[in-house]
Amino acid sequence: MSALFRLSGAVSRDPAVEAWFSDGENVLRPLAKRWFEVIRGSGADVHELIHDGRPTACVEAAAFAYVAAFQSHVNVGFYNGAALADPAGLLEGAGKRMRHVKLRWGEAIDEAALTALIAAAYSDVRRRLQDEA
C-alpha cells in the first residue's frame, strides 16, 4: 500500500504561497523561501499550495515536501521522510512517515545533503505515483 498524502488545489504557482513568503513578521521566511525554491525546481510537475499554514509542494495531488518558519528555526519537511536515505543524518522526527530538517541562524547547513534529500523526496513521490498507476 502506497503512503501518499494527497491534497487538492495545488497549482504551478500559488499566490498564497508568495504572500506567505512576503509576510515580514517572521525574519526566517527568506531562509524558508530559499529552500522552497529548491523544492520548486525539482521538476516541471511540481505544484504548490498552502496546507496547514505552510507552503507545500506536490506532484499531482501527492504532497512530498514543505517549509515552515518558526521563531528560532526553519523546517524543511518531507511527507515520506522516514523512507529516505539520510547518510548525513539531517532528518529529525520519529513519526510513522514524516521527517524534517531544522535550519537555524548561525548554524552551518549541509547544502549538498539537504539538496540531495529534496531530490530523493521528489524521486520517491514520483516512484510511488508510478507504482499506483
N, C-alpha and C. Protein backbone atom coordinates (compact mmCIF):
# COMPACT_ATOMS: atom_id res chain seq x y z
N MET A 1 0.83 -1.19 0.00
CA MET A 1 0.00 0.00 0.00
C MET A 1 0.88 1.25 0.00
N SER A 2 0.59 2.16 -0.90
CA SER A 2 1.36 3.38 -1.02
C SER A 2 1.01 4.34 0.11
N ALA A 3 2.02 5.04 0.59
CA ALA A 3 1.81 6.00 1.66
C ALA A 3 1.87 7.42 1.10
N LEU A 4 0.88 7.78 0.31
CA LEU A 4 0.84 9.11 -0.27
C LEU A 4 -0.20 9.96 0.45
N PHE A 5 0.21 11.16 0.79
CA PHE A 5 -0.69 12.12 1.40
C PHE A 5 -1.16 13.05 0.29
N ARG A 6 -2.44 13.03 0.01
CA ARG A 6 -2.98 13.78 -1.13
C ARG A 6 -3.69 15.05 -0.68
N LEU A 7 -3.46 16.10 -1.47
CA LEU A 7 -4.09 17.39 -1.25
C LEU A 7 -4.69 17.87 -2.55
N SER A 8 -5.80 18.54 -2.49
CA SER A 8 -6.38 19.09 -3.71
C SER A 8 -6.13 20.59 -3.77
N GLY A 9 -6.08 21.10 -4.98
CA GLY A 9 -5.97 22.54 -5.16
C GLY A 9 -4.57 23.06 -5.45
N ALA A 10 -3.58 22.19 -5.57
CA ALA A 10 -2.23 22.66 -5.87
C ALA A 10 -2.17 23.19 -7.29
N VAL A 11 -1.43 24.27 -7.48
CA VAL A 11 -1.24 24.89 -8.78
C VAL A 11 0.24 25.14 -9.01
N SER A 12 0.60 25.48 -10.24
CA SER A 12 2.02 25.64 -10.55
C SER A 12 2.65 26.76 -9.73
N ARG A 13 1.99 27.88 -9.58
CA ARG A 13 2.46 28.95 -8.69
C ARG A 13 1.25 29.52 -7.97
N ASP A 14 1.22 29.31 -6.67
CA ASP A 14 0.08 29.74 -5.86
C ASP A 14 0.36 31.13 -5.28
N PRO A 15 -0.48 32.12 -5.58
CA PRO A 15 -0.27 33.46 -5.00
C PRO A 15 -0.26 33.44 -3.46
N ALA A 16 -0.97 32.51 -2.86
CA ALA A 16 -0.98 32.41 -1.39
C ALA A 16 0.40 32.01 -0.86
N VAL A 17 1.13 31.21 -1.62
CA VAL A 17 2.49 30.83 -1.21
C VAL A 17 3.39 32.06 -1.27
N GLU A 18 3.29 32.81 -2.34
CA GLU A 18 4.10 34.04 -2.45
C GLU A 18 3.76 35.01 -1.33
N ALA A 19 2.48 35.14 -0.99
CA ALA A 19 2.06 36.02 0.09
C ALA A 19 2.66 35.54 1.42
N TRP A 20 2.71 34.24 1.63
CA TRP A 20 3.29 33.68 2.85
C TRP A 20 4.75 34.10 2.98
N PHE A 21 5.49 34.00 1.89
CA PHE A 21 6.90 34.38 1.93
C PHE A 21 7.09 35.89 2.11
N SER A 22 6.13 36.68 1.69
CA SER A 22 6.23 38.14 1.78
C SER A 22 5.89 38.69 3.15
N ASP A 23 5.35 37.86 4.01
CA ASP A 23 4.98 38.30 5.36
C ASP A 23 6.25 38.67 6.13
N GLY A 24 6.42 39.95 6.38
CA GLY A 24 7.63 40.43 7.04
C GLY A 24 7.69 40.21 8.53
N GLU A 25 6.67 39.62 9.11
CA GLU A 25 6.64 39.39 10.56
C GLU A 25 7.68 38.37 11.01
N ASN A 26 8.01 37.42 10.15
CA ASN A 26 8.94 36.36 10.53
C ASN A 26 10.22 36.52 9.71
N VAL A 27 11.32 36.83 10.38
CA VAL A 27 12.59 37.09 9.70
C VAL A 27 13.21 35.84 9.10
N LEU A 28 12.70 34.66 9.43
CA LEU A 28 13.25 33.42 8.88
C LEU A 28 12.58 32.99 7.58
N ARG A 29 11.52 33.66 7.19
CA ARG A 29 10.84 33.26 5.95
C ARG A 29 11.73 33.35 4.71
N PRO A 30 12.65 34.31 4.59
CA PRO A 30 13.55 34.29 3.43
C PRO A 30 14.40 33.01 3.36
N LEU A 31 14.82 32.50 4.49
CA LEU A 31 15.57 31.24 4.51
C LEU A 31 14.66 30.10 4.06
N ALA A 32 13.42 30.10 4.52
CA ALA A 32 12.47 29.08 4.09
C ALA A 32 12.23 29.18 2.58
N LYS A 33 12.13 30.40 2.07
CA LYS A 33 11.89 30.59 0.64
C LYS A 33 13.05 30.05 -0.18
N ARG A 34 14.25 30.28 0.28
CA ARG A 34 15.42 29.77 -0.44
C ARG A 34 15.31 28.27 -0.67
N TRP A 35 14.89 27.53 0.35
CA TRP A 35 14.80 26.08 0.22
C TRP A 35 13.54 25.65 -0.51
N PHE A 36 12.48 26.45 -0.42
CA PHE A 36 11.28 26.12 -1.19
C PHE A 36 11.56 26.30 -2.69
N GLU A 37 12.41 27.23 -3.04
CA GLU A 37 12.81 27.39 -4.44
C GLU A 37 13.51 26.14 -4.94
N VAL A 38 14.33 25.53 -4.10
CA VAL A 38 14.98 24.27 -4.48
C VAL A 38 13.92 23.19 -4.68
N ILE A 39 12.95 23.13 -3.78
CA ILE A 39 11.86 22.16 -3.89
C ILE A 39 11.09 22.40 -5.19
N ARG A 40 10.74 23.65 -5.46
CA ARG A 40 10.03 24.01 -6.70
C ARG A 40 10.79 23.55 -7.94
N GLY A 41 12.09 23.64 -7.88
CA GLY A 41 12.94 23.29 -9.01
C GLY A 41 13.14 21.80 -9.22
N SER A 42 12.50 20.99 -8.42
CA SER A 42 12.67 19.53 -8.52
C SER A 42 12.18 18.99 -9.86
N GLY A 43 11.14 19.58 -10.42
CA GLY A 43 10.60 19.09 -11.69
C GLY A 43 9.48 19.99 -12.17
N ALA A 44 9.21 19.91 -13.46
CA ALA A 44 8.16 20.74 -14.07
C ALA A 44 6.78 20.37 -13.55
N ASP A 45 6.64 19.19 -12.96
CA ASP A 45 5.34 18.74 -12.46
C ASP A 45 5.10 19.08 -11.00
N VAL A 46 5.97 19.88 -10.40
CA VAL A 46 5.79 20.29 -9.00
C VAL A 46 4.77 21.41 -8.94
N HIS A 47 3.76 21.22 -8.10
CA HIS A 47 2.74 22.23 -7.84
C HIS A 47 2.76 22.58 -6.37
N GLU A 48 2.08 23.63 -6.00
CA GLU A 48 2.18 24.11 -4.62
C GLU A 48 0.85 24.65 -4.12
N LEU A 49 0.77 24.74 -2.81
CA LEU A 49 -0.37 25.32 -2.13
C LEU A 49 0.02 25.56 -0.68
N ILE A 50 -0.85 26.24 0.03
CA ILE A 50 -0.67 26.38 1.47
C ILE A 50 -1.48 25.27 2.12
N HIS A 51 -0.83 24.47 2.95
CA HIS A 51 -1.51 23.41 3.71
C HIS A 51 -1.07 23.53 5.16
N ASP A 52 -2.02 23.56 6.07
CA ASP A 52 -1.74 23.75 7.49
C ASP A 52 -0.87 24.98 7.73
N GLY A 53 -1.09 26.02 6.93
CA GLY A 53 -0.37 27.27 7.11
C GLY A 53 1.05 27.28 6.58
N ARG A 54 1.41 26.28 5.79
CA ARG A 54 2.78 26.16 5.27
C ARG A 54 2.81 25.97 3.77
N PRO A 55 3.79 26.55 3.08
CA PRO A 55 3.98 26.23 1.67
C PRO A 55 4.31 24.74 1.52
N THR A 56 3.55 24.09 0.66
CA THR A 56 3.66 22.64 0.48
C THR A 56 3.77 22.34 -1.01
N ALA A 57 4.67 21.42 -1.35
CA ALA A 57 4.88 21.03 -2.75
C ALA A 57 4.31 19.65 -2.99
N CYS A 58 3.70 19.51 -4.17
CA CYS A 58 3.05 18.25 -4.57
C CYS A 58 3.48 17.88 -5.98
N VAL A 59 3.39 16.60 -6.27
CA VAL A 59 3.41 16.10 -7.64
C VAL A 59 2.04 15.46 -7.82
N GLU A 60 1.34 15.89 -8.86
CA GLU A 60 -0.08 15.58 -8.99
C GLU A 60 -0.72 16.06 -7.69
N ALA A 61 -1.42 15.22 -6.97
CA ALA A 61 -2.01 15.66 -5.70
C ALA A 61 -1.22 15.14 -4.51
N ALA A 62 -0.09 14.50 -4.75
CA ALA A 62 0.69 13.87 -3.67
C ALA A 62 1.71 14.84 -3.09
N ALA A 63 1.53 15.20 -1.83
CA ALA A 63 2.45 16.11 -1.16
C ALA A 63 3.77 15.39 -0.88
N PHE A 64 4.88 16.11 -1.11
CA PHE A 64 6.17 15.48 -0.81
C PHE A 64 7.08 16.34 0.06
N ALA A 65 6.89 17.65 0.08
CA ALA A 65 7.77 18.50 0.89
C ALA A 65 7.06 19.78 1.29
N TYR A 66 7.55 20.40 2.36
CA TYR A 66 7.00 21.67 2.83
C TYR A 66 8.11 22.45 3.52
N VAL A 67 7.86 23.72 3.75
CA VAL A 67 8.72 24.53 4.60
C VAL A 67 7.85 25.20 5.65
N ALA A 68 8.45 25.45 6.80
CA ALA A 68 7.76 26.16 7.87
C ALA A 68 8.79 27.04 8.58
N ALA A 69 8.40 28.25 8.92
CA ALA A 69 9.29 29.18 9.63
C ALA A 69 8.74 29.44 11.02
N PHE A 70 9.57 29.18 12.00
CA PHE A 70 9.22 29.41 13.40
C PHE A 70 10.07 30.56 13.92
N GLN A 71 9.99 30.85 15.20
CA GLN A 71 10.77 31.96 15.75
C GLN A 71 12.27 31.70 15.70
N SER A 72 12.68 30.48 15.95
CA SER A 72 14.11 30.20 16.07
C SER A 72 14.67 29.26 15.01
N HIS A 73 13.81 28.73 14.14
CA HIS A 73 14.31 27.81 13.12
C HIS A 73 13.32 27.68 11.96
N VAL A 74 13.83 27.09 10.90
CA VAL A 74 13.02 26.75 9.73
C VAL A 74 13.03 25.24 9.60
N ASN A 75 11.87 24.67 9.30
CA ASN A 75 11.81 23.25 8.98
C ASN A 75 11.67 23.08 7.47
N VAL A 76 12.44 22.16 6.94
CA VAL A 76 12.23 21.67 5.58
C VAL A 76 11.75 20.24 5.81
N GLY A 77 10.47 20.00 5.52
CA GLY A 77 9.86 18.73 5.89
C GLY A 77 9.52 17.87 4.69
N PHE A 78 9.44 16.57 4.96
CA PHE A 78 9.19 15.58 3.92
C PHE A 78 8.09 14.64 4.39
N TYR A 79 7.04 14.54 3.59
CA TYR A 79 5.88 13.73 3.96
C TYR A 79 6.19 12.24 4.05
N ASN A 80 7.12 11.74 3.28
CA ASN A 80 7.55 10.35 3.38
C ASN A 80 9.03 10.29 3.76
N GLY A 81 9.42 11.20 4.62
CA GLY A 81 10.82 11.32 5.01
C GLY A 81 11.40 10.09 5.68
N ALA A 82 10.57 9.30 6.35
CA ALA A 82 11.07 8.09 7.02
C ALA A 82 11.61 7.08 6.02
N ALA A 83 11.19 7.20 4.77
CA ALA A 83 11.63 6.26 3.74
C ALA A 83 12.89 6.74 3.00
N LEU A 84 13.37 7.94 3.33
CA LEU A 84 14.52 8.50 2.61
C LEU A 84 15.84 8.08 3.24
N ALA A 85 16.80 7.79 2.40
CA ALA A 85 18.17 7.56 2.88
C ALA A 85 18.71 8.91 3.34
N ASP A 86 19.37 8.93 4.48
CA ASP A 86 19.88 10.17 5.06
C ASP A 86 21.30 9.95 5.58
N PRO A 87 22.27 9.76 4.69
CA PRO A 87 23.62 9.46 5.14
C PRO A 87 24.25 10.58 5.98
N ALA A 88 23.82 11.82 5.80
CA ALA A 88 24.37 12.94 6.58
C ALA A 88 23.70 13.09 7.94
N GLY A 89 22.60 12.35 8.17
CA GLY A 89 21.92 12.41 9.47
C GLY A 89 21.20 13.72 9.73
N LEU A 90 20.65 14.33 8.70
CA LEU A 90 19.96 15.61 8.87
C LEU A 90 18.53 15.48 9.37
N LEU A 91 17.87 14.38 9.04
CA LEU A 91 16.45 14.25 9.33
C LEU A 91 16.18 14.07 10.81
N GLU A 92 15.13 14.75 11.26
CA GLU A 92 14.66 14.63 12.64
C GLU A 92 13.21 14.17 12.61
N GLY A 93 12.76 13.64 13.73
CA GLY A 93 11.38 13.22 13.87
C GLY A 93 11.28 11.73 14.06
N ALA A 94 10.21 11.31 14.69
CA ALA A 94 10.02 9.89 14.98
C ALA A 94 8.65 9.40 14.56
N GLY A 95 7.96 10.18 13.74
CA GLY A 95 6.64 9.77 13.28
C GLY A 95 6.72 8.58 12.33
N LYS A 96 5.56 8.06 12.01
CA LYS A 96 5.50 6.89 11.13
C LYS A 96 6.04 7.20 9.74
N ARG A 97 5.79 8.41 9.22
CA ARG A 97 6.21 8.75 7.85
C ARG A 97 7.01 10.04 7.74
N MET A 98 6.58 11.08 8.43
CA MET A 98 7.17 12.40 8.22
C MET A 98 8.50 12.58 8.95
N ARG A 99 9.37 13.38 8.31
CA ARG A 99 10.63 13.79 8.90
C ARG A 99 10.89 15.23 8.44
N HIS A 100 11.78 15.92 9.15
CA HIS A 100 12.12 17.29 8.79
C HIS A 100 13.59 17.57 9.10
N VAL A 101 14.09 18.62 8.49
CA VAL A 101 15.42 19.12 8.76
C VAL A 101 15.24 20.50 9.38
N LYS A 102 15.90 20.76 10.51
CA LYS A 102 15.83 22.07 11.16
C LYS A 102 17.02 22.90 10.74
N LEU A 103 16.73 24.13 10.31
CA LEU A 103 17.77 25.09 9.93
C LEU A 103 17.69 26.25 10.91
N ARG A 104 18.84 26.62 11.48
CA ARG A 104 18.89 27.72 12.45
C ARG A 104 19.90 28.76 12.00
N TRP A 105 19.59 30.05 12.29
CA TRP A 105 20.53 31.12 12.00
C TRP A 105 21.85 30.81 12.68
N GLY A 106 22.91 31.05 11.98
CA GLY A 106 24.24 30.90 12.57
C GLY A 106 24.78 29.49 12.56
N GLU A 107 23.97 28.52 12.19
CA GLU A 107 24.44 27.14 12.10
C GLU A 107 24.66 26.78 10.64
N ALA A 108 25.76 26.10 10.38
CA ALA A 108 26.08 25.70 9.01
C ALA A 108 25.00 24.74 8.49
N ILE A 109 24.72 24.87 7.21
CA ILE A 109 23.77 23.99 6.54
C ILE A 109 24.55 23.12 5.57
N ASP A 110 24.37 21.83 5.66
CA ASP A 110 24.97 20.93 4.67
C ASP A 110 24.09 21.01 3.43
N GLU A 111 24.39 22.01 2.59
CA GLU A 111 23.54 22.30 1.44
C GLU A 111 23.46 21.13 0.46
N ALA A 112 24.58 20.46 0.26
CA ALA A 112 24.58 19.32 -0.67
C ALA A 112 23.69 18.20 -0.14
N ALA A 113 23.78 17.91 1.15
CA ALA A 113 22.97 16.84 1.73
C ALA A 113 21.49 17.20 1.72
N LEU A 114 21.15 18.47 2.03
CA LEU A 114 19.74 18.87 2.03
C LEU A 114 19.19 18.87 0.60
N THR A 115 19.97 19.34 -0.34
CA THR A 115 19.55 19.29 -1.74
C THR A 115 19.32 17.86 -2.19
N ALA A 116 20.18 16.95 -1.75
CA ALA A 116 20.02 15.52 -2.09
C ALA A 116 18.75 14.95 -1.47
N LEU A 117 18.42 15.36 -0.24
CA LEU A 117 17.17 14.89 0.39
C LEU A 117 15.96 15.39 -0.39
N ILE A 118 15.99 16.63 -0.82
CA ILE A 118 14.88 17.17 -1.60
C ILE A 118 14.73 16.38 -2.90
N ALA A 119 15.83 16.13 -3.58
CA ALA A 119 15.79 15.35 -4.82
C ALA A 119 15.28 13.94 -4.55
N ALA A 120 15.69 13.34 -3.45
CA ALA A 120 15.24 11.99 -3.11
C ALA A 120 13.75 11.97 -2.80
N ALA A 121 13.25 13.00 -2.11
CA ALA A 121 11.82 13.07 -1.80
C ALA A 121 11.00 13.20 -3.07
N TYR A 122 11.47 14.01 -4.00
CA TYR A 122 10.78 14.16 -5.29
C TYR A 122 10.78 12.84 -6.04
N SER A 123 11.93 12.20 -6.14
CA SER A 123 12.02 10.90 -6.84
C SER A 123 11.14 9.86 -6.17
N ASP A 124 11.09 9.89 -4.84
CA ASP A 124 10.28 8.93 -4.09
C ASP A 124 8.79 9.11 -4.41
N VAL A 125 8.31 10.35 -4.42
CA VAL A 125 6.88 10.56 -4.70
C VAL A 125 6.56 10.18 -6.14
N ARG A 126 7.45 10.47 -7.06
CA ARG A 126 7.22 10.07 -8.46
C ARG A 126 7.16 8.54 -8.58
N ARG A 127 8.06 7.85 -7.89
CA ARG A 127 8.06 6.38 -7.93
C ARG A 127 6.77 5.83 -7.32
N ARG A 128 6.34 6.39 -6.21
CA ARG A 128 5.10 5.93 -5.57
C ARG A 128 3.90 6.14 -6.48
N LEU A 129 3.87 7.27 -7.18
CA LEU A 129 2.78 7.52 -8.11
C LEU A 129 2.81 6.54 -9.27
N GLN A 130 3.98 6.23 -9.78
CA GLN A 130 4.10 5.25 -10.86
C GLN A 130 3.66 3.87 -10.39
N ASP A 131 4.01 3.52 -9.16
CA ASP A 131 3.62 2.21 -8.62
C ASP A 131 2.11 2.08 -8.51
N GLU A 132 1.44 3.21 -8.29
CA GLU A 132 -0.02 3.18 -8.20
C GLU A 132 -0.69 3.06 -9.57
N ALA A 133 0.00 3.51 -10.59
CA ALA A 133 -0.61 3.54 -11.94
C ALA A 133 -0.81 2.15 -12.50
